[in-house]
């Protein structure tokens, strides 16, 4: 008998964590992809990209923007159901807003990466919204059972 893995019988914590990793990888893929754009390296070296001066505050905001999904990969595995569910919904919506606000005049490749990320974020919000508690499946509960 083969077990078919679907979102209905999978551990929602694992699905959500994997989707957050997928979003992070797409952030990195987009950034690496941008390096191939003519003149991008020169702009980066000058500290001004597409007319925007890269300040310490802008670098901090960029760091926060990528750190949130990184943190969610871990928190999704550790937090209790109720907190986890609402955090994934809230952070998913916040991340959608951040992605859209950063791409107000996107070129074609940015539309592509943004679309992929938004689809994954919609999946995160949807899985978290439909997630009903059955038993604790977080890492802390698992470690207590092993003792």
Protein backbone atom coordinates (compact mmCIF):
# COMPACT_ATOMS: atom_id res chain seq x y z
CA UNK A 1 0.00 0.00 0.00
CA UNK A 2 1.39 3.38 -1.03
CA UNK A 3 0.77 6.46 1.05
CA UNK A 4 -0.20 9.38 -1.12
CA UNK A 5 1.06 12.64 0.36
CA UNK A 6 -1.46 15.43 0.05
CA UNK A 7 -2.06 18.59 1.99
CA UNK A 8 -4.96 16.78 3.68
CA UNK A 9 -2.85 14.09 5.34
CA UNK A 10 0.49 15.88 5.59
CA UNK A 11 1.79 17.57 8.70
CA UNK A 12 0.79 21.24 8.21
CA UNK A 13 3.88 22.37 10.13
CA UNK A 14 6.16 20.66 7.65
CA UNK A 15 4.24 21.96 4.62
CA UNK A 16 4.32 25.52 5.94
CA UNK A 17 8.02 25.35 6.78
CA UNK A 18 8.85 23.99 3.32
CA UNK A 19 6.82 26.74 1.67
CA UNK A 20 8.71 29.37 3.68
CA UNK A 21 12.01 27.83 2.50
CA UNK A 22 10.67 27.95 -1.08
CA UNK A 23 9.93 31.67 -0.70
CA UNK A 24 13.42 32.34 0.67
CA UNK A 25 15.02 30.48 -2.23
CA UNK A 26 12.97 32.59 -4.65
CA UNK A 27 14.19 35.79 -2.98
CA UNK A 28 17.77 34.61 -3.49
CA UNK A 29 17.11 33.40 -7.05
CA UNK A 30 15.64 36.78 -7.99
CA UNK A 31 18.58 38.65 -6.44
CA UNK A 32 21.14 36.47 -8.21
CA UNK A 33 19.17 36.78 -11.44
CA UNK A 34 19.31 40.59 -11.16
CA UNK A 35 23.12 40.46 -11.19
CA UNK A 36 22.95 39.53 -14.88
CA UNK A 37 21.11 42.73 -15.76
CA UNK A 38 23.38 45.09 -17.70
CA UNK A 39 24.84 47.75 -15.43
CA UNK A 40 23.58 46.18 -12.18
CA UNK A 41 27.03 45.45 -10.75
CA UNK A 42 28.14 49.01 -11.51
CA UNK A 43 25.01 50.37 -9.79
CA UNK A 44 25.64 48.19 -6.76
CA UNK A 45 29.23 49.40 -6.53
CA UNK A 46 28.08 53.04 -6.75
CA UNK A 47 25.51 52.59 -3.96
CA UNK A 48 22.59 53.75 -6.10
CA UNK A 49 20.29 51.22 -7.79
CA UNK A 50 17.72 52.46 -10.32
CA UNK A 51 18.00 55.93 -8.81
CA UNK A 52 17.53 54.75 -5.21
CA UNK A 53 20.40 55.49 -2.83
CA UNK A 54 21.15 52.40 -0.75
CA UNK A 55 21.29 53.65 2.83
CA UNK A 56 21.92 51.78 6.07
CA UNK A 57 18.18 52.03 6.84
CA UNK A 58 17.30 50.48 3.47
CA UNK A 59 19.81 47.68 4.11
CA UNK A 60 18.25 47.09 7.55
CA UNK A 61 14.75 46.93 6.05
CA UNK A 62 15.99 44.46 3.42
CA UNK A 63 17.56 42.34 6.15
CA UNK A 64 14.33 42.33 8.14
CA UNK A 65 12.36 41.43 5.03
CA UNK A 66 14.43 38.30 4.40
CA UNK A 67 14.83 37.42 8.09
CA UNK A 68 11.06 37.16 8.62
CA UNK A 69 10.64 34.17 6.26
CA UNK A 70 13.84 32.61 7.63
CA UNK A 71 12.44 32.89 11.15
CA UNK A 72 9.10 31.45 10.01
CA UNK A 73 10.80 28.23 8.83
CA UNK A 74 11.77 27.55 12.45
CA UNK A 75 8.79 29.04 14.28
CA UNK A 76 6.38 27.01 12.16
CA UNK A 77 7.96 23.84 13.52
CA UNK A 78 8.11 25.00 17.15
CA UNK A 79 5.05 27.07 18.04
CA UNK A 80 1.77 25.69 19.33
CA UNK A 81 -1.12 25.33 16.89
CA UNK A 82 -3.08 28.48 17.71
CA UNK A 83 -0.15 30.89 17.71
CA UNK A 84 1.37 29.14 14.71
CA UNK A 85 -1.81 29.30 12.66
CA UNK A 86 -2.41 33.02 13.20
CA UNK A 87 1.27 33.92 12.84
CA UNK A 88 1.46 32.17 9.46
CA UNK A 89 -1.68 33.98 8.30
CA UNK A 90 -0.47 37.38 9.53
CA UNK A 91 3.13 37.07 8.39
CA UNK A 92 2.01 35.58 5.07
CA UNK A 93 -0.21 38.62 4.40
CA UNK A 94 2.53 41.01 5.59
CA UNK A 95 5.09 39.35 3.31
CA UNK A 96 2.66 39.62 0.37
CA UNK A 97 2.30 43.34 1.05
CA UNK A 98 6.10 43.78 1.27
CA UNK A 99 6.68 41.95 -2.01
CA UNK A 100 4.03 43.94 -3.87
CA UNK A 101 5.18 47.28 -2.40
CA UNK A 102 8.75 46.59 -3.53
CA UNK A 103 7.61 45.86 -7.08
CA UNK A 104 5.40 48.81 -7.98
CA UNK A 105 7.04 49.10 -11.42
CA UNK A 106 8.39 45.58 -12.03
CA UNK A 107 10.04 44.37 -15.18
CA UNK A 108 9.07 41.01 -16.69
CA UNK A 109 11.42 38.82 -14.66
CA UNK A 110 10.36 40.52 -11.41
CA UNK A 111 6.71 39.85 -12.29
CA UNK A 112 7.65 36.19 -12.74
CA UNK A 113 9.42 35.85 -9.37
CA UNK A 114 6.77 37.94 -7.60
CA UNK A 115 4.00 35.74 -9.01
CA UNK A 116 5.69 32.56 -7.83
CA UNK A 117 6.19 34.00 -4.34
CA UNK A 118 2.62 35.29 -4.11
CA UNK A 119 1.25 31.87 -5.12
CA UNK A 120 3.34 30.23 -2.37
CA UNK A 121 2.20 32.86 0.16
CA UNK A 122 -1.45 32.31 -0.80
CA UNK A 123 -0.84 28.59 -0.18
CA UNK A 124 0.66 29.40 3.25
CA UNK A 125 -2.30 31.56 4.24
CA UNK A 126 -4.74 28.94 2.90
CA UNK A 127 -3.09 26.01 4.69
CA UNK A 128 -2.89 27.98 7.94
CA UNK A 129 -6.52 29.13 7.60
CA UNK A 130 -7.81 25.58 7.07
CA UNK A 131 -5.51 24.03 9.69
CA UNK A 132 -7.49 22.54 12.54
CA UNK A 133 -5.86 21.26 15.70
CA UNK A 134 -5.98 17.52 16.19
CA UNK A 135 -2.97 16.80 18.36
CA UNK A 136 0.27 18.59 19.05
CA UNK A 137 2.75 17.93 16.30
CA UNK A 138 5.26 20.65 17.15
CA UNK A 139 8.89 19.82 17.85
CA UNK A 140 8.52 20.40 21.60
CA UNK A 141 5.63 17.91 21.88
CA UNK A 142 7.60 15.39 19.81
CA UNK A 143 10.62 15.66 22.09
CA UNK A 144 8.44 15.11 25.18
CA UNK A 145 7.04 11.89 23.70
CA UNK A 146 10.56 10.62 23.08
CA UNK A 147 11.54 11.02 26.74
